[in-house]
C-alpha atoms as a PDB file:
ATOM      1  CA  MET A   1      -8.428   4.949 -16.383  1.00  0.00           C
ATOM      2  CA  ILE A   2     -10.426   6.051 -19.724  1.00  0.00           C
ATOM      3  CA  ALA A   3     -10.478   2.206 -20.615  1.00  0.00           C
ATOM      4  CA  SER A   4     -11.716   1.213 -17.249  1.00  0.00           C
ATOM      5  CA  TYR A   5     -14.522   3.913 -17.291  1.00  0.00           C
ATOM      6  CA  PRO A   6     -17.012   1.493 -19.169  1.00  0.00           C
ATOM      7  CA  VAL A   7     -16.070  -1.375 -17.119  1.00  0.00           C
ATOM      8  CA  PHE A   8     -16.736   0.665 -13.671  1.00  0.00           C
ATOM      9  CA  ARG A   9     -20.149   1.946 -15.044  1.00  0.00           C
ATOM     10  CA  ALA A  10     -21.113  -1.633 -15.683  1.00  0.00           C
ATOM     11  CA  MET A  11     -20.324  -2.447 -11.983  1.00  0.00           C
ATOM     12  CA  GLY A  12     -22.361   0.272 -10.927  1.00  0.00           C
ATOM     13  CA  MET A  13     -20.339   3.592 -10.672  1.00  0.00           C
ATOM     14  CA  ARG A  14     -22.348   6.574 -10.977  1.00  0.00           C
ATOM     15  CA  SER A  15     -21.365  10.161 -11.741  1.00  0.00           C
ATOM     16  CA  SER A  16     -24.412  12.167 -11.488  1.00  0.00           C
ATOM     17  CA  PHE A  17     -26.399  14.097  -8.740  1.00  0.00           C
ATOM     18  CA  PRO A  18     -26.876  13.602  -5.988  1.00  0.00           C
ATOM     19  CA  LEU A  19     -23.226  13.686  -4.471  1.00  0.00           C
ATOM     20  CA  PRO A  20     -22.859  10.918  -1.864  1.00  0.00           C
ATOM     21  CA  SER A  21     -23.004  11.793   1.551  1.00  0.00           C
ATOM     22  CA  TRP A  22     -19.734  12.003   3.705  1.00  0.00           C
ATOM     23  CA  LYS A  23     -20.829   8.928   5.709  1.00  0.00           C
ATOM     24  CA  GLU A  24     -21.271   6.937   2.360  1.00  0.00           C
ATOM     25  CA  VAL A  25     -17.944   8.153   1.233  1.00  0.00           C
ATOM     26  CA  SER A  26     -16.060   7.420   4.576  1.00  0.00           C
ATOM     27  CA  ALA A  27     -17.528   3.892   4.863  1.00  0.00           C
ATOM     28  CA  GLN A  28     -16.495   3.099   1.246  1.00  0.00           C
ATOM     29  CA  ILE A  29     -12.983   4.477   1.493  1.00  0.00           C
ATOM     30  CA  LEU A  30     -12.488   2.601   4.842  1.00  0.00           C
ATOM     31  CA  PHE A  31     -13.868  -0.582   3.104  1.00  0.00           C
ATOM     32  CA  TYR A  32     -11.270   0.222   0.266  1.00  0.00           C
ATOM     33  CA  PHE A  33      -8.262   0.648   2.386  1.00  0.00           C
ATOM     34  CA  ILE A  34      -9.152  -2.823   4.309  1.00  0.00           C
ATOM     35  CA  ILE A  35      -9.612  -4.718   1.227  1.00  0.00           C
ATOM     36  CA  GLU A  36      -6.690  -3.332  -0.831  1.00  0.00           C
ATOM     37  CA  ASP A  37      -4.292  -4.001   2.275  1.00  0.00           C
ATOM     38  CA  PHE A  38      -5.583  -7.562   2.378  1.00  0.00           C
ATOM     39  CA  VAL A  39      -5.305  -8.388  -1.311  1.00  0.00           C
ATOM     40  CA  PHE A  40      -2.053  -6.227  -1.664  1.00  0.00           C
ATOM     41  CA  TYR A  41      -0.439  -8.328   1.258  1.00  0.00           C
ATOM     42  CA  TRP A  42      -0.855 -11.608  -0.504  1.00  0.00           C
ATOM     43  CA  GLY A  43      -0.020 -10.209  -4.067  1.00  0.00           C
ATOM     44  CA  HIS A  44       3.114  -8.576  -2.601  1.00  0.00           C
ATOM     45  CA  ARG A  45       4.039 -11.491  -0.772  1.00  0.00           C
ATOM     46  CA  ILE A  46       3.847 -13.749  -3.930  1.00  0.00           C
ATOM     47  CA  LEU A  47       6.036 -11.150  -5.808  1.00  0.00           C
ATOM     48  CA  HIS A  48       8.679 -11.872  -3.360  1.00  0.00           C
ATOM     49  CA  SER A  49       8.836 -15.576  -4.516  1.00  0.00           C
ATOM     50  CA  LYS A  50      12.171 -16.404  -6.029  1.00  0.00           C
ATOM     51  CA  TRP A  51      11.130 -16.377  -9.858  1.00  0.00           C
ATOM     52  CA  LEU A  52       8.547 -13.471  -9.536  1.00  0.00           C
ATOM     53  CA  TYR A  53      11.198 -11.314  -7.697  1.00  0.00           C
ATOM     54  CA  LYS A  54      13.853 -12.024 -10.101  1.00  0.00           C
ATOM     55  CA  ASN A  55      11.758 -11.392 -13.332  1.00  0.00           C
ATOM     56  CA  VAL A  56       9.251  -8.761 -11.930  1.00  0.00           C
ATOM     57  CA  HIS A  57       9.450  -7.114  -8.561  1.00  0.00           C
ATOM     58  CA  SER A  58      13.227  -6.736  -8.433  1.00  0.00           C
ATOM     59  CA  VAL A  59      12.503  -3.423 -10.743  1.00  0.00           C
ATOM     60  CA  HIS A  60      10.790  -1.932  -7.859  1.00  0.00           C
ATOM     61  CA  HIS A  61      13.508  -2.777  -5.420  1.00  0.00           C
ATOM     62  CA  GLU A  62      16.277  -1.459  -7.637  1.00  0.00           C
ATOM     63  CA  TYR A  63      16.181   1.505  -4.944  1.00  0.00           C
ATOM     64  CA  ALA A  64      17.383   0.340  -1.634  1.00  0.00           C
ATOM     65  CA  THR A  65      16.532   3.714  -0.203  1.00  0.00           C
ATOM     66  CA  PRO A  66      13.188   4.648  -1.731  1.00  0.00           C
ATOM     67  CA  PHE A  67      11.915   8.167  -2.477  1.00  0.00           C
ATOM     68  CA  GLY A  68       8.521   9.329  -3.326  1.00  0.00           C
ATOM     69  CA  LEU A  69       8.649   8.637  -7.276  1.00  0.00           C
ATOM     70  CA  THR A  70       9.667   4.953  -6.732  1.00  0.00           C
ATOM     71  CA  SER A  71       6.423   4.387  -5.283  1.00  0.00           C
ATOM     72  CA  GLU A  72       5.057   4.003  -8.897  1.00  0.00           C
ATOM     73  CA  TYR A  73       8.201   2.629 -10.457  1.00  0.00           C
ATOM     74  CA  ALA A  74       7.594  -0.977 -11.171  1.00  0.00           C
ATOM     75  CA  HIS A  75       7.444  -3.681 -13.995  1.00  0.00           C
ATOM     76  CA  PRO A  76       4.089  -3.253 -16.163  1.00  0.00           C
ATOM     77  CA  ALA A  77       3.294  -6.727 -14.781  1.00  0.00           C
ATOM     78  CA  GLU A  78       3.416  -5.716 -11.230  1.00  0.00           C
ATOM     79  CA  ILE A  79       1.496  -2.446 -11.954  1.00  0.00           C
ATOM     80  CA  LEU A  80      -1.306  -4.680 -13.230  1.00  0.00           C
ATOM     81  CA  PHE A  81      -0.996  -7.359 -10.663  1.00  0.00           C
ATOM     82  CA  LEU A  82      -1.071  -5.154  -7.649  1.00  0.00           C
ATOM     83  CA  GLY A  83      -3.112  -2.596  -9.275  1.00  0.00           C
ATOM     84  CA  PHE A  84      -5.931  -4.996  -8.851  1.00  0.00           C
ATOM     85  CA  ALA A  85      -5.659  -4.616  -5.131  1.00  0.00           C
ATOM     86  CA  THR A  86      -6.442  -0.924  -5.618  1.00  0.00           C
ATOM     87  CA  ILE A  87      -9.487  -1.521  -8.060  1.00  0.00           C
ATOM     88  CA  ILE A  88     -11.372  -4.493  -6.403  1.00  0.00           C
ATOM     89  CA  GLY A  89     -13.071  -2.336  -3.624  1.00  0.00           C
ATOM     90  CA  PRO A  90     -14.591  -0.002  -5.946  1.00  0.00           C
ATOM     91  CA  ALA A  91     -15.292  -2.688  -8.426  1.00  0.00           C
ATOM     92  CA  LEU A  92     -17.241  -4.486  -5.494  1.00  0.00           C
ATOM     93  CA  THR A  93     -19.321  -1.337  -4.335  1.00  0.00           C
ATOM     94  CA  GLY A  94     -20.003   0.607  -7.668  1.00  0.00           C
ATOM     95  CA  PRO A  95     -19.016   4.122  -5.839  1.00  0.00           C
ATOM     96  CA  HIS A  96     -19.836   7.581  -7.168  1.00  0.00           C
ATOM     97  CA  LEU A  97     -16.976   9.012  -9.279  1.00  0.00           C
ATOM     98  CA  ILE A  98     -16.244  11.336  -6.596  1.00  0.00           C
ATOM     99  CA  THR A  99     -15.537   8.467  -4.191  1.00  0.00           C
ATOM    100  CA  LEU A 100     -13.380   6.758  -6.646  1.00  0.00           C
ATOM    101  CA  TRP A 101     -11.451   9.957  -7.399  1.00  0.00           C
ATOM    102  CA  LEU A 102     -10.825  10.593  -3.749  1.00  0.00           C
ATOM    103  CA  TRP A 103      -9.743   6.868  -3.354  1.00  0.00           C
ATOM    104  CA  MET A 104      -7.144   7.199  -6.023  1.00  0.00           C
ATOM    105  CA  VAL A 105      -5.741  10.263  -4.671  1.00  0.00           C
ATOM    106  CA  LEU A 106      -5.446   8.763  -1.079  1.00  0.00           C
ATOM    107  CA  ARG A 107      -3.982   5.632  -2.231  1.00  0.00           C
ATOM    108  CA  VAL A 108      -1.409   7.468  -4.451  1.00  0.00           C
ATOM    109  CA  LEU A 109      -0.579   9.830  -1.668  1.00  0.00           C
ATOM    110  CA  GLU A 110      -0.434   6.761   1.019  1.00  0.00           C
ATOM    111  CA  THR A 111       2.048   5.020  -1.376  1.00  0.00           C
ATOM    112  CA  VAL A 112       4.272   8.143  -2.052  1.00  0.00           C
ATOM    113  CA  GLU A 113       4.582   8.687   1.896  1.00  0.00           C
ATOM    114  CA  ALA A 114       5.549   5.181   2.300  1.00  0.00           C
ATOM    115  CA  HIS A 115       8.354   5.457  -0.042  1.00  0.00           C
ATOM    116  CA  CYS A 116       9.277   9.001   0.626  1.00  0.00           C
ATOM    117  CA  GLY A 117      12.149   7.838   3.255  1.00  0.00           C
ATOM    118  CA  TYR A 118      11.187  10.403   6.134  1.00  0.00           C
ATOM    119  CA  HIS A 119       9.163   9.793   9.150  1.00  0.00           C
ATOM    120  CA  PHE A 120       7.356  13.392   9.241  1.00  0.00           C
ATOM    121  CA  PRO A 121       5.769  14.706  12.394  1.00  0.00           C
ATOM    122  CA  TRP A 122       2.482  14.652  10.671  1.00  0.00           C
ATOM    123  CA  SER A 123       2.950  10.979   9.319  1.00  0.00           C
ATOM    124  CA  LEU A 124      -0.107   8.906  10.026  1.00  0.00           C
ATOM    125  CA  SER A 125       2.103   6.455  11.776  1.00  0.00           C
ATOM    126  CA  ASN A 126       2.390   8.841  14.747  1.00  0.00           C
ATOM    127  CA  PHE A 127      -1.479   8.748  15.351  1.00  0.00           C
ATOM    128  CA  LEU A 128      -2.745   5.270  13.771  1.00  0.00           C
ATOM    129  CA  PRO A 129      -1.145   2.554  15.571  1.00  0.00           C
ATOM    130  CA  LEU A 130      -1.743   0.101  12.598  1.00  0.00           C
ATOM    131  CA  TYR A 131      -0.450   2.519  10.013  1.00  0.00           C
ATOM    132  CA  GLY A 132       2.806   1.526   8.454  1.00  0.00           C
ATOM    133  CA  GLY A 133       4.365   4.524   6.900  1.00  0.00           C
ATOM    134  CA  SER A 134       7.692   5.170   5.702  1.00  0.00           C
ATOM    135  CA  ASP A 135       9.914   3.447   8.406  1.00  0.00           C
ATOM    136  CA  PHE A 136       7.805   0.399   7.937  1.00  0.00           C
ATOM    137  CA  HIS A 137       8.362   0.219   4.362  1.00  0.00           C
ATOM    138  CA  ASP A 138      11.925   1.331   4.370  1.00  0.00           C
ATOM    139  CA  TYR A 139      12.773  -1.711   6.337  1.00  0.00           C
ATOM    140  CA  HIS A 140      11.277  -3.673   3.618  1.00  0.00           C
ATOM    141  CA  HIS A 141      13.248  -2.190   0.894  1.00  0.00           C
ATOM    142  CA  ARG A 142      16.727  -2.668   2.775  1.00  0.00           C
ATOM    143  CA  LEU A 143      16.623  -6.648   2.836  1.00  0.00           C
ATOM    144  CA  LEU A 144      17.065  -9.355   0.322  1.00  0.00           C
ATOM    145  CA  TYR A 145      13.924 -10.496  -1.088  1.00  0.00           C
ATOM    146  CA  THR A 146      13.633 -13.833   0.655  1.00  0.00           C
ATOM    147  CA  LYS A 147      14.011 -12.018   4.314  1.00  0.00           C
ATOM    148  CA  SER A 148      12.549  -8.725   3.910  1.00  0.00           C
ATOM    149  CA  GLY A 149       8.789  -9.005   5.388  1.00  0.00           C
ATOM    150  CA  ASN A 150       6.679  -6.024   5.782  1.00  0.00           C
ATOM    151  CA  TYR A 151       4.475  -6.967   2.690  1.00  0.00           C
ATOM    152  CA  SER A 152       1.346  -4.809   3.700  1.00  0.00           C
ATOM    153  CA  SER A 153       0.643  -1.437   1.889  1.00  0.00           C
ATOM    154  CA  THR A 154      -0.880   0.729   4.392  1.00  0.00           C
ATOM    155  CA  PHE A 155      -1.607  -1.102   7.780  1.00  0.00           C
ATOM    156  CA  VAL A 156       0.664  -3.533   9.481  1.00  0.00           C
ATOM    157  CA  TYR A 157      -2.130  -5.996  10.734  1.00  0.00           C
ATOM    158  CA  MET A 158      -1.439  -8.658   7.877  1.00  0.00           C
ATOM    159  CA  ASP A 159       2.392  -8.642   8.588  1.00  0.00           C
ATOM    160  CA  TRP A 160       1.567  -8.945  12.520  1.00  0.00           C
ATOM    161  CA  ILE A 161      -0.819 -11.879  12.053  1.00  0.00           C
ATOM    162  CA  PHE A 162       1.440 -13.939   9.614  1.00  0.00           C
ATOM    163  CA  GLY A 163       4.615 -12.947  11.408  1.00  0.00           C
ATOM    164  CA  THR A 164       6.429 -11.278   8.527  1.00  0.00           C
ATOM    165  CA  ASP A 165       7.176  -8.190  10.438  1.00  0.00           C
ATOM    166  CA  LYS A 166       9.366  -9.890  13.227  1.00  0.00           C
ATOM    167  CA  GLY A 167      12.627  -8.816  11.961  1.00  0.00           C
ATOM    168  CA  TYR A 168      11.220  -5.285  11.683  1.00  0.00           C
ATOM    169  CA  ARG A 169       9.700  -5.219  15.194  1.00  0.00           C
ATOM    170  CA  ARG A 170      12.863  -6.658  16.668  1.00  0.00           C
ATOM    171  CA  LEU A 171      14.700  -3.719  14.965  1.00  0.00           C
ATOM    172  CA  LYS A 172      12.358  -1.088  16.285  1.00  0.00           C
ATOM    173  CA  THR A 173      12.551  -2.355  19.756  1.00  0.00           C
ATOM    174  CA  LEU A 174      16.588  -2.254  19.679  1.00  0.00           C
ATOM    175  CA  LYS A 175      16.348   1.213  18.390  1.00  0.00           C
ATOM    176  CA  GLU A 176      13.893   2.477  21.091  1.00  0.00           C
ATOM    177  CA  ASN A 177      16.102   0.857  23.857  1.00  0.00           C
ATOM    178  CA  GLY A 178      19.308   2.693  22.274  1.00  0.00           C
ATOM    179  CA  ASP A 179      20.890  -0.632  21.168  1.00  0.00           C
ATOM    180  CA  VAL A 180      21.173   0.363  17.489  1.00  0.00           C
ATOM    181  CA  LYS A 181      22.296   3.771  16.272  1.00  0.00           C
ATOM    182  CA  GLN A 182      19.811   5.487  14.408  1.00  0.00           C
ATOM    183  CA  LYS A 183      20.469   7.350  11.175  1.00  0.00           C
END
């Protein structure tokens, strides 16, 4: 983060007064989530190719049942590769430092929640229909790399559009109908 400060300054990030309005912050954070999800989906899907999975992404998948701390457990190359998805939005908009900090906090909280292994009553997936959450991501960690699907980070629309969540949706329907025993 310290090394990235001059880069963000060159891209228009500001840290002085006045602070951005809540409308500006909200619009930028929404944009960041949308663009991050798009870029992350494709990067994560590429990491599930045979060679990259074996040599890079398999480190993250060492835990078939993830927990919060495993959200950040990954090969250094993966951290740089997928970290690009988190940084591209702010790099395009040149936000205020406060907006950048808020974005980073929300992004880390989201990824920890997706890896926590619990579907809490306050989970956003209970309120936002396109939000993946822990159930969505747990399914991804339980299957072999070639068949896992569910590559999105936050929202499920990319997996739905490209059909990479069909197995998850099928299992969810079976669970809702009582055809599969839930843990």
